[in-house]
Amino acid sequence: MDIITIGSATRDVFVKSEAFEVHESAHSPSGFEGCFPLGAKIDIDEVNFETGGGATNSAVTFARLGHSVGIVARVGQDANGDEIIRVLAAEGVDTGLIQRDPKEQTAYSMIAVAGSGERTVLVYRGASKELDHEDIPWNRLKPKWFYVTSLGGDLALMRRIVDHAVAVGAKIAWNPGSAEIKRGLSVLKGLIKSVDVFNLNREEAAVLVGVESDQLDYVIRQLCDLPHMAAVITDGPNGAFACGQKTSLFANVLDVPRVNVTGAGDAFGSGLIAGLLKKDDLDFALRVAVWNATGVVQQMGAKKGLLRKYPSPAQLKKVRVGEFHP
């Protein structure tokens, strides 16, 4: 198997309304807050039911681009869990490693999308946070890559994944969840040094390092040399940085209308690793990542816009990639 994704699986509902207002706020990591009047009844312009979670979104990227992929995640014994498995199987993802929780409901997210495409996510973690080490058939996990997403703060599980990857000669990409990030760099540093690619967005990186998000240069310097291959920091419409011990690259984003940004990070991260699976070249991988994220932000939902084939040479050239010096 080429790759196994590990982490969250959710049922998502996207609600979009022009009535969701965005205001500047010094108290928010992004500098903005979404607002609506308490006690009001607000008309919704659009509603979409989808499946999500970092492990499922990334798995679909790999499957659509022709790679053999399995997923380790946990869902409830309910209709939402059934739907997640159905969607993944239809996309060609091996669902045999998905755990079913007899007590907890499948994780659920409500994504409130403003007219600008920016969003706030309300999350019920449910069964997703109960992923059980002992229920994972480790002897069956022998991929080329592990793609690890949110583990609900379970660093013992992450350590076990790292140890297993070393034992079977697999590489690791890690896109940690908020519970892991909040533990801080001093706690995560050893694990970050054990992975090949470490991927998160600007706000998450600032929280991890313990500084304000406007101190991007400092954050990059703190993370650059830790992973084996590269630390990747995405900065929304401003582009993405990939830096490591051998090279440091910056990629721009493509100028397209943004309908929804949910799943863009998953699309970028999984697109990057899909690029590395096809060609061991960080420049090429960044271009694939940009195209994968570009498709997602133009549609509602985290999977609809994911690539179905690798970008053409002409498309790859449209992404500007150059060196930078952290």
Protein backbone atom coordinates (compact mmCIF):
# COMPACT_ATOMS: atom_id res chain seq x y z
CA MET A 1 0.00 0.00 0.00
CA ASP A 2 1.26 3.48 -0.87
CA ILE A 3 -0.13 5.38 2.09
CA ILE A 4 -2.27 5.07 5.21
CA THR A 5 -4.01 8.09 6.70
CA ILE A 6 -4.67 8.21 10.44
CA GLY A 7 -6.90 10.60 12.38
CA SER A 8 -10.29 12.24 12.28
CA ALA A 9 -13.45 11.30 10.39
CA THR A 10 -16.49 13.57 10.69
CA ARG A 11 -19.93 14.29 9.29
CA ASP A 12 -20.04 17.95 8.27
CA VAL A 13 -22.81 20.42 7.61
CA PHE A 14 -21.87 23.68 5.88
CA VAL A 15 -24.19 26.64 6.45
CA LYS A 16 -23.49 29.80 4.47
CA SER A 17 -25.08 33.16 5.12
CA GLU A 18 -24.33 36.74 4.16
CA ALA A 19 -25.63 37.57 7.65
CA PHE A 20 -22.50 36.07 9.24
CA GLU A 21 -20.37 39.14 9.84
CA VAL A 22 -16.58 39.24 10.08
CA HIS A 23 -14.94 41.81 12.38
CA GLU A 24 -11.34 42.56 13.23
CA SER A 25 -10.35 41.35 16.68
CA ALA A 26 -7.09 41.56 18.58
CA HIS A 27 -8.20 38.57 20.68
CA SER A 28 -8.41 36.12 17.76
CA PRO A 29 -5.30 34.27 16.45
CA SER A 30 -6.37 35.11 12.88
CA GLY A 31 -7.09 38.77 13.71
CA PHE A 32 -10.79 38.35 12.90
CA GLU A 33 -13.94 36.99 14.53
CA GLY A 34 -17.20 35.77 13.05
CA CYS A 35 -20.25 37.41 14.61
CA PHE A 36 -24.01 37.08 14.59
CA PRO A 37 -26.58 38.51 17.01
CA LEU A 38 -27.41 36.29 19.99
CA GLY A 39 -31.08 35.32 20.10
CA ALA A 40 -31.66 36.14 16.44
CA LYS A 41 -33.12 33.85 13.77
CA ILE A 42 -30.77 34.05 10.78
CA ASP A 43 -31.65 33.04 7.23
CA ILE A 44 -29.24 30.56 5.67
CA ASP A 45 -28.38 31.07 2.00
CA GLU A 46 -26.91 27.62 1.41
CA VAL A 47 -26.63 24.32 3.28
CA ASN A 48 -24.51 21.30 2.32
CA PHE A 49 -24.04 17.96 4.06
CA GLU A 50 -20.62 16.38 3.47
CA THR A 51 -18.09 14.09 5.09
CA GLY A 52 -14.86 15.49 6.49
CA GLY A 53 -12.01 15.11 8.92
CA GLY A 54 -8.35 15.25 8.02
CA ALA A 55 -7.93 11.50 7.61
CA THR A 56 -10.87 11.12 5.20
CA ASN A 57 -10.14 14.27 3.19
CA SER A 58 -6.50 13.33 2.65
CA ALA A 59 -7.37 9.71 1.85
CA VAL A 60 -9.61 10.84 -1.01
CA THR A 61 -6.80 12.98 -2.45
CA PHE A 62 -4.48 9.98 -2.59
CA ALA A 63 -7.14 7.66 -4.02
CA ARG A 64 -8.16 10.10 -6.76
CA LEU A 65 -4.55 10.52 -7.82
CA GLY A 66 -4.16 6.80 -8.29
CA HIS A 67 -2.49 5.70 -5.08
CA SER A 68 -3.46 2.71 -2.96
CA VAL A 69 -4.66 4.11 0.35
CA GLY A 70 -6.17 2.90 3.60
CA ILE A 71 -7.52 4.85 6.55
CA VAL A 72 -7.34 4.34 10.31
CA ALA A 73 -10.14 6.29 12.02
CA ARG A 74 -13.04 5.71 14.41
CA VAL A 75 -16.73 6.39 13.79
CA GLY A 76 -19.92 5.51 15.63
CA GLN A 77 -22.36 2.69 14.99
CA ASP A 78 -24.74 5.17 13.37
CA ALA A 79 -25.96 6.51 10.04
CA ASN A 80 -23.26 9.19 9.90
CA GLY A 81 -20.57 6.55 10.36
CA ASP A 82 -22.18 4.47 7.61
CA GLU A 83 -22.14 7.48 5.28
CA ILE A 84 -18.46 8.22 5.91
CA ILE A 85 -17.55 4.62 5.08
CA ARG A 86 -19.79 4.61 2.00
CA VAL A 87 -18.21 7.78 0.60
CA LEU A 88 -14.67 6.52 1.18
CA ALA A 89 -15.37 3.13 -0.39
CA ALA A 90 -16.90 4.82 -3.43
CA GLU A 91 -13.69 6.83 -3.82
CA GLY A 92 -11.57 3.67 -3.77
CA VAL A 93 -10.24 3.99 -0.21
CA ASP A 94 -9.69 0.78 1.78
CA THR A 95 -12.04 1.15 4.77
CA GLY A 96 -11.13 -2.13 6.46
CA LEU A 97 -9.13 -0.39 9.19
CA ILE A 98 -11.96 1.92 10.33
CA GLN A 99 -13.09 1.26 13.91
CA ARG A 100 -16.78 1.37 14.93
CA ASP A 101 -17.50 2.72 18.42
CA PRO A 102 -20.50 1.09 20.15
CA LYS A 103 -21.06 4.02 22.53
CA GLU A 104 -19.89 7.32 21.04
CA GLN A 105 -21.60 8.99 18.10
CA THR A 106 -19.70 9.80 14.92
CA ALA A 107 -17.88 13.14 15.12
CA TYR A 108 -19.90 16.06 13.75
CA SER A 109 -18.97 19.55 12.62
CA MET A 110 -21.07 22.58 11.80
CA ILE A 111 -19.18 25.00 9.57
CA ALA A 112 -20.56 28.55 9.53
CA VAL A 113 -19.34 30.14 6.29
CA ALA A 114 -19.36 33.91 5.79
CA GLY A 115 -19.90 35.51 2.40
CA SER A 116 -16.12 35.88 2.01
CA GLY A 117 -15.61 32.11 2.29
CA GLU A 118 -13.96 32.35 5.71
CA ARG A 119 -15.51 30.12 8.33
CA THR A 120 -15.86 29.12 11.95
CA VAL A 121 -16.14 25.42 12.81
CA LEU A 122 -18.12 24.01 15.74
CA VAL A 123 -16.88 20.48 16.45
CA TYR A 124 -18.30 17.53 18.36
CA ARG A 125 -15.36 15.07 18.42
CA GLY A 126 -17.36 12.01 19.47
CA ALA A 127 -15.98 8.64 18.38
CA SER A 128 -13.09 10.27 16.55
CA LYS A 129 -11.32 11.10 19.81
CA GLU A 130 -11.60 7.49 21.01
CA LEU A 131 -9.27 5.96 18.40
CA ASP A 132 -7.93 2.88 20.19
CA HIS A 133 -4.25 1.84 19.92
CA GLU A 134 -5.12 -1.77 20.71
CA ASP A 135 -7.75 -2.01 17.97
CA ILE A 136 -5.22 -1.06 15.29
CA PRO A 137 -3.83 -4.15 13.50
CA TRP A 138 -0.26 -2.83 13.43
CA ASN A 139 1.09 -5.91 11.64
CA ARG A 140 -1.06 -4.98 8.63
CA LEU A 141 0.26 -1.41 8.40
CA LYS A 142 3.19 -1.44 5.97
CA PRO A 143 2.78 1.55 3.65
CA LYS A 144 5.38 3.76 2.00
CA TRP A 145 3.97 6.76 3.91
CA PHE A 146 1.82 7.43 6.95
CA TYR A 147 -0.24 10.64 6.77
CA VAL A 148 -1.22 11.55 10.33
CA THR A 149 -3.87 14.17 11.14
CA SER A 150 -5.66 15.07 14.38
CA LEU A 151 -5.26 12.49 17.16
CA GLY A 152 -7.23 14.36 19.82
CA GLY A 153 -4.06 15.12 21.77
CA ASP A 154 -3.00 11.46 22.04
CA LEU A 155 0.78 11.83 21.84
CA ALA A 156 1.30 8.25 23.00
CA LEU A 157 -0.46 7.12 19.82
CA MET A 158 1.73 9.44 17.75
CA ARG A 159 4.84 7.96 19.36
CA ARG A 160 3.60 4.47 18.56
CA ILE A 161 3.01 5.48 14.93
CA VAL A 162 6.55 6.86 14.74
CA ASP A 163 8.05 3.71 16.22
CA HIS A 164 6.04 1.51 13.87
CA ALA A 165 6.99 3.60 10.84
CA VAL A 166 10.66 3.22 11.72
CA ALA A 167 10.19 -0.54 12.09
CA VAL A 168 8.58 -0.95 8.65
CA GLY A 169 10.68 1.67 6.85
CA ALA A 170 7.81 4.09 6.18
CA LYS A 171 7.94 7.87 5.98
CA ILE A 172 5.63 10.10 8.04
CA ALA A 173 3.79 13.32 7.28
CA TRP A 174 2.15 14.96 10.29
CA ASN A 175 -0.59 17.58 10.20
CA PRO A 176 -1.41 17.83 13.93
CA GLY A 177 -4.76 18.79 15.40
CA SER A 178 -5.41 21.65 17.79
CA ALA A 179 -5.15 19.43 20.88
CA GLU A 180 -1.64 18.38 19.90
CA ILE A 181 -0.58 21.89 18.90
CA LYS A 182 -1.67 23.37 22.24
CA ARG A 183 0.83 21.14 24.02
CA GLY A 184 3.56 23.47 22.74
CA LEU A 185 6.84 23.10 20.91
CA SER A 186 8.81 21.94 23.94
CA VAL A 187 6.53 18.89 24.23
CA LEU A 188 6.21 18.16 20.50
CA LYS A 189 9.79 18.84 19.40
CA GLY A 190 10.98 15.25 19.78
CA LEU A 191 8.08 13.94 17.71
CA ILE A 192 8.54 16.61 15.04
CA LYS A 193 12.18 15.56 14.70
CA SER A 194 10.97 12.02 14.04
CA VAL A 195 8.75 12.83 11.05
CA ASP A 196 9.63 13.61 7.45
CA VAL A 197 7.12 16.39 6.74
CA PHE A 198 5.45 18.57 9.39
CA ASN A 199 2.56 20.64 8.07
CA LEU A 200 0.34 23.30 9.68
CA ASN A 201 -1.00 26.78 9.01
CA ARG A 202 0.37 30.11 10.16
CA GLU A 203 -1.98 30.55 13.12
CA GLU A 204 -1.38 26.98 14.30
CA ALA A 205 2.37 27.38 13.97
CA ALA A 206 2.28 30.54 16.09
CA VAL A 207 0.28 28.78 18.82
CA LEU A 208 2.74 25.89 18.75
CA VAL A 209 5.77 28.16 19.10
CA GLY A 210 4.02 30.41 21.64
CA VAL A 211 4.11 33.76 19.83
CA GLU A 212 1.72 36.03 17.95
CA SER A 213 0.88 35.05 14.37
CA ASP A 214 2.52 38.20 12.99
CA GLN A 215 5.95 36.82 13.99
CA LEU A 216 6.09 34.52 10.97
CA ASP A 217 9.83 34.79 10.34
CA TYR A 218 10.58 33.74 13.90
CA VAL A 219 8.12 30.84 13.71
CA ILE A 220 9.68 29.57 10.49
CA ARG A 221 13.17 29.66 11.99
CA GLN A 222 11.99 27.66 15.00
CA LEU A 223 10.51 24.87 12.87
CA CYS A 224 12.61 24.70 9.71
CA ASP A 225 15.33 22.27 10.72
CA LEU A 226 13.25 19.91 12.85
CA PRO A 227 11.66 17.40 10.39
CA HIS A 228 13.79 15.10 8.23
CA MET A 229 12.57 16.67 4.98
CA ALA A 230 10.57 19.88 5.48
CA ALA A 231 8.38 21.98 7.72
CA VAL A 232 5.47 23.37 5.72
CA ILE A 233 3.57 26.46 6.86
CA THR A 234 0.57 27.61 4.86
CA ASP A 235 -0.53 31.23 5.02
CA GLY A 236 -3.92 31.25 3.31
CA PRO A 237 -4.07 33.56 0.28
CA ASN A 238 -0.49 34.69 0.94
CA GLY A 239 1.07 31.37 -0.10
CA ALA A 240 3.02 28.61 1.60
CA PHE A 241 6.53 28.07 2.93
CA ALA A 242 8.39 24.76 2.86
CA CYS A 243 11.74 24.80 4.57
CA GLY A 244 14.21 22.17 5.58
CA GLN A 245 17.86 21.39 6.05
CA LYS A 246 18.54 21.32 2.30
CA THR A 247 16.24 23.91 0.75
CA SER A 248 13.62 26.54 1.58
CA LEU A 249 10.89 27.28 -0.94
CA PHE A 250 7.90 29.61 -1.16
CA ALA A 251 4.86 28.93 -3.36
CA ASN A 252 2.21 31.46 -4.30
CA VAL A 253 -1.49 30.64 -4.50
CA LEU A 254 -3.58 30.94 -7.63
CA ASP A 255 -6.00 33.85 -7.89
CA VAL A 256 -9.46 32.25 -7.91
CA PRO A 257 -12.80 33.09 -6.27
CA ARG A 258 -12.92 31.53 -2.80
CA VAL A 259 -16.25 30.00 -1.84
CA ASN A 260 -15.09 28.08 1.22
CA VAL A 261 -11.71 27.52 2.86
CA THR A 262 -12.64 24.46 4.95
CA GLY A 263 -10.46 21.56 3.88
CA ALA A 264 -7.92 23.74 2.08
CA GLY A 265 -5.23 22.79 4.58
CA ASP A 266 -6.01 19.08 4.22
CA ALA A 267 -5.95 19.47 0.45
CA PHE A 268 -2.61 21.27 0.50
CA GLY A 269 -0.96 18.81 2.86
CA SER A 270 -2.20 15.69 1.11
CA GLY A 271 -1.46 17.20 -2.30
CA LEU A 272 2.11 17.81 -1.18
CA ILE A 273 2.61 14.18 -0.12
CA ALA A 274 0.88 12.92 -3.28
CA GLY A 275 3.40 15.00 -5.21
CA LEU A 276 6.27 13.42 -3.28
CA LEU A 277 4.83 9.96 -3.92
CA LYS A 278 4.92 10.63 -7.65
CA LYS A 279 8.23 12.50 -7.77
CA ASP A 280 10.77 13.00 -4.99
CA ASP A 281 10.95 16.75 -5.62
CA LEU A 282 9.69 19.36 -3.15
CA ASP A 283 9.24 21.99 -5.87
CA PHE A 284 6.98 19.67 -7.86
CA ALA A 285 5.11 18.63 -4.71
CA LEU A 286 4.37 22.24 -3.75
CA ARG A 287 2.86 22.88 -7.18
CA VAL A 288 0.59 19.85 -6.86
CA ALA A 289 -0.39 20.98 -3.35
CA VAL A 290 -1.37 24.45 -4.57
CA TRP A 291 -3.57 23.02 -7.32
CA ASN A 292 -5.28 20.60 -4.94
CA ALA A 293 -6.09 23.37 -2.46
CA THR A 294 -7.20 25.66 -5.29
CA GLY A 295 -9.86 23.18 -6.33
CA VAL A 296 -11.20 22.87 -2.80
CA VAL A 297 -11.62 26.58 -2.06
CA GLN A 298 -13.80 27.02 -5.14
CA GLN A 299 -16.49 24.61 -3.94
CA MET A 300 -18.50 24.01 -0.79
CA GLY A 301 -17.20 21.00 1.11
CA ALA A 302 -13.73 19.62 1.71
CA LYS A 303 -13.73 16.92 -0.99
CA LYS A 304 -15.65 18.14 -4.05
CA GLY A 305 -12.77 20.14 -5.51
CA LEU A 306 -9.96 17.65 -4.87
CA LEU A 307 -7.89 16.79 -7.93
CA ARG A 308 -8.84 13.74 -10.00
CA LYS A 309 -5.52 13.65 -11.84
CA TYR A 310 -2.13 15.27 -11.48
CA PRO A 311 -1.88 18.80 -12.93
CA SER A 312 -0.51 19.10 -16.45
CA PRO A 313 2.94 20.65 -17.07
CA ALA A 314 1.21 23.84 -18.24
CA GLN A 315 -0.83 24.00 -15.04
CA LEU A 316 2.22 23.34 -12.87
CA LYS A 317 4.03 26.27 -14.47
CA LYS A 318 1.26 28.63 -13.33
CA VAL A 319 2.35 28.14 -9.71
CA ARG A 320 5.33 30.34 -8.88
CA VAL A 321 7.86 28.62 -6.64
CA GLY A 322 11.11 30.21 -5.53
CA GLU A 323 13.70 30.05 -2.80
CA PHE A 324 13.51 32.13 0.36
CA HIS A 325 15.90 32.55 3.25
CA PRO A 326 14.38 32.08 6.72
